[in-house]
């Protein structure tokens, strides 16, 4: 791919520190703006984003900080609860993972009430976590300790699934609260029934290490992942082997995320280099990426809930790329 096709971000937002993780809330905030959280060394900032595509009175992006939370260590992963809303009584709730192998559930009314619940149990690094999306009363997390654990909001472990290699990604079915997808480093993606705690289906990368996987929540027969330099896509009704596979990044690929606005759009990032990280936005009908971007020591990747727009964290800024549908 030619370097000159690289595009500068559509929008940027300045931050005070290096951004290690960034997540749009996948749930409606109850207001026109989207909730967004970003974090790094000992902090998480929660704010709202409104883009000119959503409001003609805005030039570019309007980002408002709601609150900065102190966090004992660097934030390594973050997940939003569907209970986070800004209409009626504002509530912010999200969960983080850090290098001390603990989850922290943060709840705030953005005024006086601010609670942190620490959840302990993992014995290895926590790679990813997600809230049950319909009610938000459970959290699933995957770790290098070869487990996927499901927790209630009091920090009690309700389920422990034993894996055969480190757990890399975990996704919850958007409607069926008992279905969970777990991706393992050695290249296997399994779907579990949480009632029976049994695997009901498995997919195979045919290569390892698998670095990231995502379930297409707008069309749940589609699963995507990155392993080595390649991106891979499955149709789970057809085969346990990928339907499509292409090399993407010269250095290893790091993250794979489906767009929430368009089931044919997805993004991949390269492993953070010493200077910059590559972002590719792909459309399933196109052989080449439709957008190429890069960010200084970029980290994290998240899609907007309704726009074909994604964000990655960078050195003291957030970089947003808008893509044509």
C-alpha atoms as a PDB file:
ATOM      1  CA  UNK A   1       0.000   0.000   0.000  1.00  0.00           C
ATOM      2  CA  UNK A   2       1.430   3.406  -0.931  1.00  0.00           C
ATOM      3  CA  UNK A   3       2.255   5.658   1.972  1.00  0.00           C
ATOM      4  CA  UNK A   4       0.775   8.721   0.243  1.00  0.00           C
ATOM      5  CA  UNK A   5      -2.761   7.366   0.527  1.00  0.00           C
ATOM      6  CA  UNK A   6      -2.569   7.950   4.293  1.00  0.00           C
ATOM      7  CA  UNK A   7      -5.175  10.399   5.534  1.00  0.00           C
ATOM      8  CA  UNK A   8      -4.900  12.803   8.414  1.00  0.00           C
ATOM      9  CA  UNK A   9      -7.668  12.400  11.018  1.00  0.00           C
ATOM     10  CA  UNK A  10     -11.046  13.971  10.215  1.00  0.00           C
ATOM     11  CA  UNK A  11     -11.120  15.418  13.748  1.00  0.00           C
ATOM     12  CA  UNK A  12      -8.818  15.552  16.750  1.00  0.00           C
ATOM     13  CA  UNK A  13      -9.399  16.326  20.416  1.00  0.00           C
ATOM     14  CA  UNK A  14      -6.485  17.430  22.616  1.00  0.00           C
ATOM     15  CA  UNK A  15      -5.838  15.523  25.856  1.00  0.00           C
ATOM     16  CA  UNK A  16      -3.487  16.263  28.732  1.00  0.00           C
ATOM     17  CA  UNK A  17      -1.657  12.942  28.702  1.00  0.00           C
ATOM     18  CA  UNK A  18      -0.833   9.940  26.549  1.00  0.00           C
ATOM     19  CA  UNK A  19      -4.014   7.985  25.752  1.00  0.00           C
ATOM     20  CA  UNK A  20      -3.711   4.227  26.177  1.00  0.00           C
ATOM     21  CA  UNK A  21      -7.367   3.166  25.787  1.00  0.00           C
ATOM     22  CA  UNK A  22     -10.395   4.850  24.251  1.00  0.00           C
ATOM     23  CA  UNK A  23     -13.981   3.569  24.057  1.00  0.00           C
ATOM     24  CA  UNK A  24     -17.185   5.031  22.684  1.00  0.00           C
ATOM     25  CA  UNK A  25     -20.149   3.775  24.665  1.00  0.00           C
ATOM     26  CA  UNK A  26     -22.013   1.332  22.391  1.00  0.00           C
ATOM     27  CA  UNK A  27     -25.247   2.332  24.164  1.00  0.00           C
ATOM     28  CA  UNK A  28     -27.439   5.394  23.783  1.00  0.00           C
ATOM     29  CA  UNK A  29     -26.740   8.097  26.364  1.00  0.00           C
ATOM     30  CA  UNK A  30     -30.374   9.257  26.202  1.00  0.00           C
ATOM     31  CA  UNK A  31     -29.127  12.542  24.683  1.00  0.00           C
ATOM     32  CA  UNK A  32     -27.944  13.399  21.142  1.00  0.00           C
ATOM     33  CA  UNK A  33     -24.284  13.206  22.249  1.00  0.00           C
ATOM     34  CA  UNK A  34     -22.278   9.983  22.594  1.00  0.00           C
ATOM     35  CA  UNK A  35     -20.422   9.008  25.745  1.00  0.00           C
ATOM     36  CA  UNK A  36     -16.704   8.459  25.314  1.00  0.00           C
ATOM     37  CA  UNK A  37     -14.062   7.408  27.854  1.00  0.00           C
ATOM     38  CA  UNK A  38     -10.324   7.494  27.450  1.00  0.00           C
ATOM     39  CA  UNK A  39      -7.621   6.521  29.885  1.00  0.00           C
ATOM     40  CA  UNK A  40      -3.936   6.186  30.469  1.00  0.00           C
ATOM     41  CA  UNK A  41      -1.530   6.453  33.357  1.00  0.00           C
ATOM     42  CA  UNK A  42      -3.610   6.725  36.572  1.00  0.00           C
ATOM     43  CA  UNK A  43      -6.609   8.458  35.005  1.00  0.00           C
ATOM     44  CA  UNK A  44      -9.848   7.976  33.078  1.00  0.00           C
ATOM     45  CA  UNK A  45     -11.645  10.919  31.464  1.00  0.00           C
ATOM     46  CA  UNK A  46     -15.343  10.595  30.629  1.00  0.00           C
ATOM     47  CA  UNK A  47     -16.941  13.045  28.220  1.00  0.00           C
ATOM     48  CA  UNK A  48     -19.525  13.539  25.510  1.00  0.00           C
ATOM     49  CA  UNK A  49     -18.906  13.867  21.769  1.00  0.00           C
ATOM     50  CA  UNK A  50     -21.110  15.496  19.177  1.00  0.00           C
ATOM     51  CA  UNK A  51     -19.970  15.666  15.541  1.00  0.00           C
ATOM     52  CA  UNK A  52     -20.917  18.010  12.708  1.00  0.00           C
ATOM     53  CA  UNK A  53     -22.543  15.055  10.921  1.00  0.00           C
ATOM     54  CA  UNK A  54     -25.052  14.942  13.811  1.00  0.00           C
ATOM     55  CA  UNK A  55     -25.541  18.678  14.455  1.00  0.00           C
ATOM     56  CA  UNK A  56     -25.141  21.346  11.800  1.00  0.00           C
ATOM     57  CA  UNK A  57     -24.276  24.019  14.373  1.00  0.00           C
ATOM     58  CA  UNK A  58     -21.062  22.212  15.294  1.00  0.00           C
ATOM     59  CA  UNK A  59     -17.789  22.680  13.494  1.00  0.00           C
ATOM     60  CA  UNK A  60     -15.931  19.366  13.509  1.00  0.00           C
ATOM     61  CA  UNK A  61     -16.378  17.875  16.955  1.00  0.00           C
ATOM     62  CA  UNK A  62     -17.622  19.216  20.264  1.00  0.00           C
ATOM     63  CA  UNK A  63     -16.065  17.332  23.173  1.00  0.00           C
ATOM     64  CA  UNK A  64     -17.191  18.092  26.725  1.00  0.00           C
ATOM     65  CA  UNK A  65     -15.429  16.592  29.725  1.00  0.00           C
ATOM     66  CA  UNK A  66     -17.938  15.337  32.303  1.00  0.00           C
ATOM     67  CA  UNK A  67     -15.447  14.069  34.852  1.00  0.00           C
ATOM     68  CA  UNK A  68     -11.861  12.897  35.302  1.00  0.00           C
ATOM     69  CA  UNK A  69     -11.467   9.837  37.530  1.00  0.00           C
ATOM     70  CA  UNK A  70      -8.295   8.956  39.397  1.00  0.00           C
ATOM     71  CA  UNK A  71      -7.186   5.381  38.665  1.00  0.00           C
ATOM     72  CA  UNK A  72      -4.473   3.745  40.767  1.00  0.00           C
ATOM     73  CA  UNK A  73      -2.581   2.289  37.793  1.00  0.00           C
ATOM     74  CA  UNK A  74      -2.474   2.642  34.033  1.00  0.00           C
ATOM     75  CA  UNK A  75      -5.786   1.643  32.438  1.00  0.00           C
ATOM     76  CA  UNK A  76      -5.231  -1.307  30.093  1.00  0.00           C
ATOM     77  CA  UNK A  77      -8.828  -2.049  29.073  1.00  0.00           C
ATOM     78  CA  UNK A  78     -12.215  -0.402  29.591  1.00  0.00           C
ATOM     79  CA  UNK A  79     -15.856  -1.374  29.023  1.00  0.00           C
ATOM     80  CA  UNK A  80     -19.047   0.691  29.227  1.00  0.00           C
ATOM     81  CA  UNK A  81     -22.182  -0.376  31.075  1.00  0.00           C
ATOM     82  CA  UNK A  82     -25.582   0.031  29.346  1.00  0.00           C
ATOM     83  CA  UNK A  83     -26.700   1.701  32.595  1.00  0.00           C
ATOM     84  CA  UNK A  84     -24.617   4.786  31.743  1.00  0.00           C
ATOM     85  CA  UNK A  85     -27.074   7.515  30.759  1.00  0.00           C
ATOM     86  CA  UNK A  86     -27.277  11.298  30.860  1.00  0.00           C
ATOM     87  CA  UNK A  87     -31.041  11.825  30.735  1.00  0.00           C
ATOM     88  CA  UNK A  88     -33.175  11.734  33.896  1.00  0.00           C
ATOM     89  CA  UNK A  89     -30.672  11.072  36.731  1.00  0.00           C
ATOM     90  CA  UNK A  90     -27.196  11.045  35.143  1.00  0.00           C
ATOM     91  CA  UNK A  91     -25.283   7.828  35.825  1.00  0.00           C
ATOM     92  CA  UNK A  92     -21.838   6.874  34.596  1.00  0.00           C
ATOM     93  CA  UNK A  93     -20.758   3.266  35.017  1.00  0.00           C
ATOM     94  CA  UNK A  94     -17.787   1.546  33.430  1.00  0.00           C
ATOM     95  CA  UNK A  95     -15.258  -1.127  34.320  1.00  0.00           C
ATOM     96  CA  UNK A  96     -11.493  -1.112  33.847  1.00  0.00           C
ATOM     97  CA  UNK A  97      -8.683  -3.658  33.863  1.00  0.00           C
ATOM     98  CA  UNK A  98      -5.135  -2.919  34.993  1.00  0.00           C
ATOM     99  CA  UNK A  99      -1.791  -4.693  35.331  1.00  0.00           C
ATOM    100  CA  UNK A 100      -2.471  -5.683  38.975  1.00  0.00           C
ATOM    101  CA  UNK A 101      -4.912  -8.296  37.552  1.00  0.00           C
ATOM    102  CA  UNK A 102      -7.916  -6.517  39.080  1.00  0.00           C
ATOM    103  CA  UNK A 103     -11.108  -5.157  37.602  1.00  0.00           C
ATOM    104  CA  UNK A 104     -12.440  -1.842  38.895  1.00  0.00           C
ATOM    105  CA  UNK A 105     -16.124  -1.003  38.563  1.00  0.00           C
ATOM    106  CA  UNK A 106     -16.598   2.785  38.697  1.00  0.00           C
ATOM    107  CA  UNK A 107     -20.028   4.305  39.273  1.00  0.00           C
ATOM    108  CA  UNK A 108     -20.719   8.039  39.515  1.00  0.00           C
ATOM    109  CA  UNK A 109     -23.683  10.415  39.438  1.00  0.00           C
ATOM    110  CA  UNK A 110     -21.211  13.118  38.259  1.00  0.00           C
ATOM    111  CA  UNK A 111     -21.815  15.004  41.515  1.00  0.00           C
ATOM    112  CA  UNK A 112     -21.101  13.646  45.011  1.00  0.00           C
ATOM    113  CA  UNK A 113     -21.607   9.906  44.591  1.00  0.00           C
ATOM    114  CA  UNK A 114     -18.551   8.098  43.306  1.00  0.00           C
ATOM    115  CA  UNK A 115     -17.936   4.411  44.000  1.00  0.00           C
ATOM    116  CA  UNK A 116     -15.113   2.066  43.059  1.00  0.00           C
ATOM    117  CA  UNK A 117     -15.609  -1.682  43.420  1.00  0.00           C
ATOM    118  CA  UNK A 118     -12.444  -3.768  43.060  1.00  0.00           C
ATOM    119  CA  UNK A 119     -12.895  -7.304  41.683  1.00  0.00           C
ATOM    120  CA  UNK A 120     -10.148  -9.838  42.302  1.00  0.00           C
ATOM    121  CA  UNK A 121      -9.723 -13.387  41.020  1.00  0.00           C
ATOM    122  CA  UNK A 122      -7.677 -13.374  37.823  1.00  0.00           C
ATOM    123  CA  UNK A 123      -4.117 -14.617  38.289  1.00  0.00           C
ATOM    124  CA  UNK A 124      -2.814 -13.255  34.966  1.00  0.00           C
ATOM    125  CA  UNK A 125      -2.975 -10.100  32.881  1.00  0.00           C
ATOM    126  CA  UNK A 126      -6.561  -9.171  31.865  1.00  0.00           C
ATOM    127  CA  UNK A 127      -6.776  -8.619  28.104  1.00  0.00           C
ATOM    128  CA  UNK A 128     -10.398  -7.621  27.529  1.00  0.00           C
ATOM    129  CA  UNK A 129     -13.742  -7.194  29.258  1.00  0.00           C
ATOM    130  CA  UNK A 130     -17.385  -6.532  28.374  1.00  0.00           C
ATOM    131  CA  UNK A 131     -20.733  -5.842  30.084  1.00  0.00           C
ATOM    132  CA  UNK A 132     -23.807  -7.953  29.448  1.00  0.00           C
ATOM    133  CA  UNK A 133     -25.505  -5.529  27.025  1.00  0.00           C
ATOM    134  CA  UNK A 134     -29.220  -5.842  27.828  1.00  0.00           C
ATOM    135  CA  UNK A 135     -29.217  -5.015  31.563  1.00  0.00           C
ATOM    136  CA  UNK A 136     -25.565  -4.542  32.450  1.00  0.00           C
ATOM    137  CA  UNK A 137     -25.726  -6.667  35.608  1.00  0.00           C
ATOM    138  CA  UNK A 138     -22.789  -8.915  34.641  1.00  0.00           C
ATOM    139  CA  UNK A 139     -19.237  -8.418  33.369  1.00  0.00           C
ATOM    140  CA  UNK A 140     -17.136 -10.956  31.459  1.00  0.00           C
ATOM    141  CA  UNK A 141     -13.334 -10.759  31.383  1.00  0.00           C
ATOM    142  CA  UNK A 142     -10.582 -12.813  29.714  1.00  0.00           C
ATOM    143  CA  UNK A 143      -7.022 -13.215  30.891  1.00  0.00           C
ATOM    144  CA  UNK A 144      -3.596 -14.713  30.323  1.00  0.00           C
ATOM    145  CA  UNK A 145      -4.523 -17.092  33.176  1.00  0.00           C
ATOM    146  CA  UNK A 146      -6.451 -19.224  30.607  1.00  0.00           C
ATOM    147  CA  UNK A 147      -9.880 -18.268  31.979  1.00  0.00           C
ATOM    148  CA  UNK A 148     -12.954 -16.304  31.028  1.00  0.00           C
ATOM    149  CA  UNK A 149     -14.731 -15.166  34.204  1.00  0.00           C
ATOM    150  CA  UNK A 150     -18.240 -13.784  34.580  1.00  0.00           C
ATOM    151  CA  UNK A 151     -18.853 -11.450  37.538  1.00  0.00           C
ATOM    152  CA  UNK A 152     -21.869  -9.834  39.117  1.00  0.00           C
ATOM    153  CA  UNK A 153     -21.668  -6.155  40.086  1.00  0.00           C
ATOM    154  CA  UNK A 154     -20.791  -7.029  43.687  1.00  0.00           C
ATOM    155  CA  UNK A 155     -17.589  -8.638  42.450  1.00  0.00           C
ATOM    156  CA  UNK A 156     -18.730 -12.256  42.878  1.00  0.00           C
ATOM    157  CA  UNK A 157     -17.585 -14.687  40.200  1.00  0.00           C
ATOM    158  CA  UNK A 158     -20.623 -16.528  38.845  1.00  0.00           C
ATOM    159  CA  UNK A 159     -18.899 -18.519  36.093  1.00  0.00           C
ATOM    160  CA  UNK A 160     -15.341 -19.546  35.262  1.00  0.00           C
ATOM    161  CA  UNK A 161     -14.691 -20.982  31.815  1.00  0.00           C
ATOM    162  CA  UNK A 162     -11.358 -22.812  31.499  1.00  0.00           C
ATOM    163  CA  UNK A 163      -9.558 -22.002  28.258  1.00  0.00           C
ATOM    164  CA  UNK A 164      -6.716 -23.820  26.489  1.00  0.00           C
ATOM    165  CA  UNK A 165      -4.577 -20.715  26.006  1.00  0.00           C
ATOM    166  CA  UNK A 166      -4.682 -17.027  27.068  1.00  0.00           C
ATOM    167  CA  UNK A 167      -8.077 -15.335  26.566  1.00  0.00           C
ATOM    168  CA  UNK A 168      -7.693 -12.387  24.186  1.00  0.00           C
ATOM    169  CA  UNK A 169     -11.182 -11.046  23.387  1.00  0.00           C
ATOM    170  CA  UNK A 170     -14.687 -11.536  24.771  1.00  0.00           C
ATOM    171  CA  UNK A 171     -18.014 -10.420  23.236  1.00  0.00           C
ATOM    172  CA  UNK A 172     -21.575 -10.793  24.471  1.00  0.00           C
ATOM    173  CA  UNK A 173     -24.507 -11.519  22.160  1.00  0.00           C
ATOM    174  CA  UNK A 174     -26.598  -8.327  21.778  1.00  0.00           C
ATOM    175  CA  UNK A 175     -29.925  -9.998  22.637  1.00  0.00           C
ATOM    176  CA  UNK A 176     -29.247 -13.454  24.051  1.00  0.00           C
ATOM    177  CA  UNK A 177     -27.690 -12.842  27.457  1.00  0.00           C
ATOM    178  CA  UNK A 178     -26.481 -16.436  27.812  1.00  0.00           C
ATOM    179  CA  UNK A 179     -24.272 -16.439  24.663  1.00  0.00           C
ATOM    180  CA  UNK A 180     -20.638 -15.415  24.896  1.00  0.00           C
ATOM    181  CA  UNK A 181     -17.833 -15.407  22.316  1.00  0.00           C
ATOM    182  CA  UNK A 182     -14.297 -16.012  23.630  1.00  0.00           C
ATOM    183  CA  UNK A 183     -11.173 -15.749  21.446  1.00  0.00           C
ATOM    184  CA  UNK A 184      -7.967 -17.499  22.501  1.00  0.00           C
ATOM    185  CA  UNK A 185      -4.387 -16.620  21.648  1.00  0.00           C
ATOM    186  CA  UNK A 186      -3.642 -19.945  20.001  1.00  0.00           C
ATOM    187  CA  UNK A 187      -6.201 -19.188  17.288  1.00  0.00           C
ATOM    188  CA  UNK A 188      -9.499 -20.670  18.479  1.00  0.00           C
ATOM    189  CA  UNK A 189     -12.736 -18.701  18.888  1.00  0.00           C
ATOM    190  CA  UNK A 190     -15.451 -20.436  20.898  1.00  0.00           C
ATOM    191  CA  UNK A 191     -19.087 -19.601  21.568  1.00  0.00           C
ATOM    192  CA  UNK A 192     -20.333 -20.604  25.015  1.00  0.00           C
ATOM    193  CA  UNK A 193     -23.761 -21.178  26.468  1.00  0.00           C
ATOM    194  CA  UNK A 194     -23.519 -19.645  29.944  1.00  0.00           C
ATOM    195  CA  UNK A 195     -26.414 -21.737  31.242  1.00  0.00           C
ATOM    196  CA  UNK A 196     -24.695 -25.066  30.542  1.00  0.00           C
ATOM    197  CA  UNK A 197     -21.182 -23.515  30.563  1.00  0.00           C
ATOM    198  CA  UNK A 198     -20.422 -25.561  27.447  1.00  0.00           C
ATOM    199  CA  UNK A 199     -18.950 -24.492  24.103  1.00  0.00           C
ATOM    200  CA  UNK A 200     -21.631 -24.656  21.399  1.00  0.00           C
ATOM    201  CA  UNK A 201     -19.481 -23.739  18.367  1.00  0.00           C
ATOM    202  CA  UNK A 202     -15.834 -23.113  17.585  1.00  0.00           C
ATOM    203  CA  UNK A 203     -13.934 -21.314  14.822  1.00  0.00           C
ATOM    204  CA  UNK A 204     -10.310 -21.811  13.854  1.00  0.00           C
ATOM    205  CA  UNK A 205      -7.844 -19.176  12.599  1.00  0.00           C
ATOM    206  CA  UNK A 206      -5.472 -21.770  11.265  1.00  0.00           C
ATOM    207  CA  UNK A 207      -2.673 -19.536  12.594  1.00  0.00           C
ATOM    208  CA  UNK A 208      -1.504 -17.954  15.827  1.00  0.00           C
ATOM    209  CA  UNK A 209      -1.089 -15.808  17.769  1.00  0.00           C
ATOM    210  CA  UNK A 210      -4.588 -14.429  17.468  1.00  0.00           C
ATOM    211  CA  UNK A 211      -4.324 -10.817  18.704  1.00  0.00           C
ATOM    212  CA  UNK A 212      -7.933  -9.581  18.637  1.00  0.00           C
ATOM    213  CA  UNK A 213     -11.400 -10.780  17.596  1.00  0.00           C
ATOM    214  CA  UNK A 214     -14.804  -9.140  17.344  1.00  0.00           C
ATOM    215  CA  UNK A 215     -18.371 -10.332  16.862  1.00  0.00           C
ATOM    216  CA  UNK A 216     -20.377  -8.285  14.351  1.00  0.00           C
ATOM    217  CA  UNK A 217     -23.275  -7.270  16.585  1.00  0.00           C
ATOM    218  CA  UNK A 218     -25.393  -5.951  13.705  1.00  0.00           C
ATOM    219  CA  UNK A 219     -25.128  -9.323  11.941  1.00  0.00           C
ATOM    220  CA  UNK A 220     -24.124 -12.016  14.419  1.00  0.00           C
ATOM    221  CA  UNK A 221     -23.225 -14.651  11.810  1.00  0.00           C
ATOM    222  CA  UNK A 222     -20.078 -12.603  11.110  1.00  0.00           C
ATOM    223  CA  UNK A 223     -16.905 -12.787  13.188  1.00  0.00           C
ATOM    224  CA  UNK A 224     -13.619 -11.037  12.451  1.00  0.00           C
ATOM    225  CA  UNK A 225     -10.094 -11.264  13.858  1.00  0.00           C
ATOM    226  CA  UNK A 226      -6.473 -10.385  13.304  1.00  0.00           C
ATOM    227  CA  UNK A 227      -3.660 -12.945  13.586  1.00  0.00           C
ATOM    228  CA  UNK A 228      -0.088 -12.378  12.439  1.00  0.00           C
ATOM    229  CA  UNK A 229      -0.267  -9.752   9.666  1.00  0.00           C
ATOM    230  CA  UNK A 230      -3.702 -10.861   8.447  1.00  0.00           C
ATOM    231  CA  UNK A 231      -7.331 -10.035   9.011  1.00  0.00           C
ATOM    232  CA  UNK A 232      -9.776 -12.948   8.883  1.00  0.00           C
ATOM    233  CA  UNK A 233     -13.559 -13.091   8.574  1.00  0.00           C
ATOM    234  CA  UNK A 234     -15.923 -15.998   9.234  1.00  0.00           C
ATOM    235  CA  UNK A 235     -19.516 -16.709   8.348  1.00  0.00           C
ATOM    236  CA  UNK A 236     -20.347 -18.949  11.309  1.00  0.00           C
ATOM    237  CA  UNK A 237     -23.209 -20.646   9.431  1.00  0.00           C
ATOM    238  CA  UNK A 238     -20.824 -21.881   6.729  1.00  0.00           C
ATOM    239  CA  UNK A 239     -17.546 -23.112   8.129  1.00  0.00           C
ATOM    240  CA  UNK A 240     -15.263 -23.119  11.128  1.00  0.00           C
ATOM    241  CA  UNK A 241     -12.516 -21.797   8.832  1.00  0.00           C
ATOM    242  CA  UNK A 242     -12.309 -18.182   7.670  1.00  0.00           C
ATOM    243  CA  UNK A 243     -14.298 -17.252   4.602  1.00  0.00           C
ATOM    244  CA  UNK A 244     -11.926 -14.405   3.815  1.00  0.00           C
ATOM    245  CA  UNK A 245      -8.361 -13.717   4.814  1.00  0.00           C
ATOM    246  CA  UNK A 246      -6.024 -10.950   3.705  1.00  0.00           C
ATOM    247  CA  UNK A 247      -2.663  -9.548   4.760  1.00  0.00           C
ATOM    248  CA  UNK A 248      -3.135  -6.055   6.175  1.00  0.00           C
ATOM    249  CA  UNK A 249      -0.255  -4.676   8.192  1.00  0.00           C
ATOM    250  CA  UNK A 250       3.437  -5.003   7.382  1.00  0.00           C
ATOM    251  CA  UNK A 251       4.236  -5.334  11.074  1.00  0.00           C
ATOM    252  CA  UNK A 252       1.852  -7.492  13.095  1.00  0.00           C
ATOM    253  CA  UNK A 253      -1.811  -6.520  13.274  1.00  0.00           C
ATOM    254  CA  UNK A 254      -3.033  -5.591  16.742  1.00  0.00           C
ATOM    255  CA  UNK A 255      -6.804  -4.894  16.877  1.00  0.00           C
ATOM    256  CA  UNK A 256      -9.944  -5.753  14.875  1.00  0.00           C
ATOM    257  CA  UNK A 257     -13.260  -3.931  15.382  1.00  0.00           C
ATOM    258  CA  UNK A 258     -16.503  -4.043  13.392  1.00  0.00           C
ATOM    259  CA  UNK A 259     -18.338  -0.797  12.714  1.00  0.00           C
ATOM    260  CA  UNK A 260     -21.618  -0.484  14.620  1.00  0.00           C
ATOM    261  CA  UNK A 261     -23.155   1.545  11.792  1.00  0.00           C
ATOM    262  CA  UNK A 262     -22.416  -0.722   8.822  1.00  0.00           C
ATOM    263  CA  UNK A 263     -21.959  -4.493   8.927  1.00  0.00           C
ATOM    264  CA  UNK A 264     -19.539  -4.403   5.964  1.00  0.00           C
ATOM    265  CA  UNK A 265     -17.155  -1.914   7.556  1.00  0.00           C
ATOM    266  CA  UNK A 266     -14.348  -2.844   9.940  1.00  0.00           C
ATOM    267  CA  UNK A 267     -11.058  -1.413  11.161  1.00  0.00           C
ATOM    268  CA  UNK A 268      -7.684  -2.926  12.013  1.00  0.00           C
ATOM    269  CA  UNK A 269      -4.623  -1.398  13.633  1.00  0.00           C
ATOM    270  CA  UNK A 270      -0.980  -2.382  13.426  1.00  0.00           C
ATOM    271  CA  UNK A 271       1.086  -3.079  16.529  1.00  0.00           C
ATOM    272  CA  UNK A 272       2.176   0.239  18.023  1.00  0.00           C
ATOM    273  CA  UNK A 273       5.532   1.051  16.451  1.00  0.00           C
ATOM    274  CA  UNK A 274       8.174   3.219  18.036  1.00  0.00           C
ATOM    275  CA  UNK A 275       6.831   6.259  16.192  1.00  0.00           C
ATOM    276  CA  UNK A 276       3.427   5.573  14.703  1.00  0.00           C
ATOM    277  CA  UNK A 277       0.655   3.024  14.467  1.00  0.00           C
ATOM    278  CA  UNK A 278      -1.328   2.347  11.331  1.00  0.00           C
ATOM    279  CA  UNK A 279      -5.113   2.326  11.097  1.00  0.00           C
ATOM    280  CA  UNK A 280      -6.815   0.615   8.154  1.00  0.00           C
ATOM    281  CA  UNK A 281     -10.553   0.914   7.540  1.00  0.00           C
ATOM    282  CA  UNK A 282     -11.815  -1.871   5.294  1.00  0.00           C
ATOM    283  CA  UNK A 283     -15.053  -2.419   3.394  1.00  0.00           C
ATOM    284  CA  UNK A 284     -15.924  -6.045   2.648  1.00  0.00           C
ATOM    285  CA  UNK A 285     -16.593  -5.268  -1.027  1.00  0.00           C
ATOM    286  CA  UNK A 286     -13.188  -3.633  -1.594  1.00  0.00           C
ATOM    287  CA  UNK A 287      -9.848  -5.422  -2.034  1.00  0.00           C
ATOM    288  CA  UNK A 288      -7.865  -2.479  -0.584  1.00  0.00           C
ATOM    289  CA  UNK A 289      -8.519  -0.500   2.618  1.00  0.00           C
ATOM    290  CA  UNK A 290     -10.929   2.382   1.995  1.00  0.00           C
ATOM    291  CA  UNK A 291      -9.112   4.609   4.503  1.00  0.00           C
ATOM    292  CA  UNK A 292      -5.566   4.551   5.838  1.00  0.00           C
ATOM    293  CA  UNK A 293      -4.548   6.638   8.798  1.00  0.00           C
ATOM    294  CA  UNK A 294      -1.753   6.723  11.317  1.00  0.00           C
ATOM    295  CA  UNK A 295      -1.307   8.104  14.810  1.00  0.00           C
ATOM    296  CA  UNK A 296       1.776   8.774  16.895  1.00  0.00           C
ATOM    297  CA  UNK A 297       2.175   5.795  19.239  1.00  0.00           C
ATOM    298  CA  UNK A 298      -1.503   5.056  18.652  1.00  0.00           C
ATOM    299  CA  UNK A 299      -3.381   2.808  21.022  1.00  0.00           C
ATOM    300  CA  UNK A 300      -6.953   1.539  21.329  1.00  0.00           C
ATOM    301  CA  UNK A 301      -9.677   1.490  18.686  1.00  0.00           C
ATOM    302  CA  UNK A 302     -13.412   2.107  18.937  1.00  0.00           C
ATOM    303  CA  UNK A 303     -16.350   2.807  16.591  1.00  0.00           C
ATOM    304  CA  UNK A 304     -19.119   5.355  17.098  1.00  0.00           C
ATOM    305  CA  UNK A 305     -22.553   3.890  17.839  1.00  0.00           C
ATOM    306  CA  UNK A 306     -24.318   5.276  14.750  1.00  0.00           C
ATOM    307  CA  UNK A 307     -21.755   7.008  12.513  1.00  0.00           C
ATOM    308  CA  UNK A 308     -19.123   5.310  10.313  1.00  0.00           C
ATOM    309  CA  UNK A 309     -16.484   6.973  12.480  1.00  0.00           C
ATOM    310  CA  UNK A 310     -13.736   5.440  14.580  1.00  0.00           C
ATOM    311  CA  UNK A 311     -11.261   6.754  17.133  1.00  0.00           C
ATOM    312  CA  UNK A 312      -7.795   5.805  18.305  1.00  0.00           C
ATOM    313  CA  UNK A 313      -5.799   7.257  21.179  1.00  0.00           C
ATOM    314  CA  UNK A 314      -2.480   8.954  20.583  1.00  0.00           C
ATOM    315  CA  UNK A 315       0.131  11.116  22.284  1.00  0.00           C
ATOM    316  CA  UNK A 316      -1.980  13.733  24.092  1.00  0.00           C
ATOM    317  CA  UNK A 317      -4.820  13.538  21.596  1.00  0.00           C
ATOM    318  CA  UNK A 318      -7.745  11.525  20.260  1.00  0.00           C
ATOM    319  CA  UNK A 319      -7.808  10.977  16.485  1.00  0.00           C
ATOM    320  CA  UNK A 320     -11.159  10.428  14.709  1.00  0.00           C
ATOM    321  CA  UNK A 321     -11.593   9.138  11.164  1.00  0.00           C
ATOM    322  CA  UNK A 322     -14.901   9.522   9.326  1.00  0.00           C
ATOM    323  CA  UNK A 323     -15.517   7.049   6.478  1.00  0.00           C
ATOM    324  CA  UNK A 324     -17.981   7.143   3.619  1.00  0.00           C
ATOM    325  CA  UNK A 325     -20.632   4.435   3.880  1.00  0.00           C
END
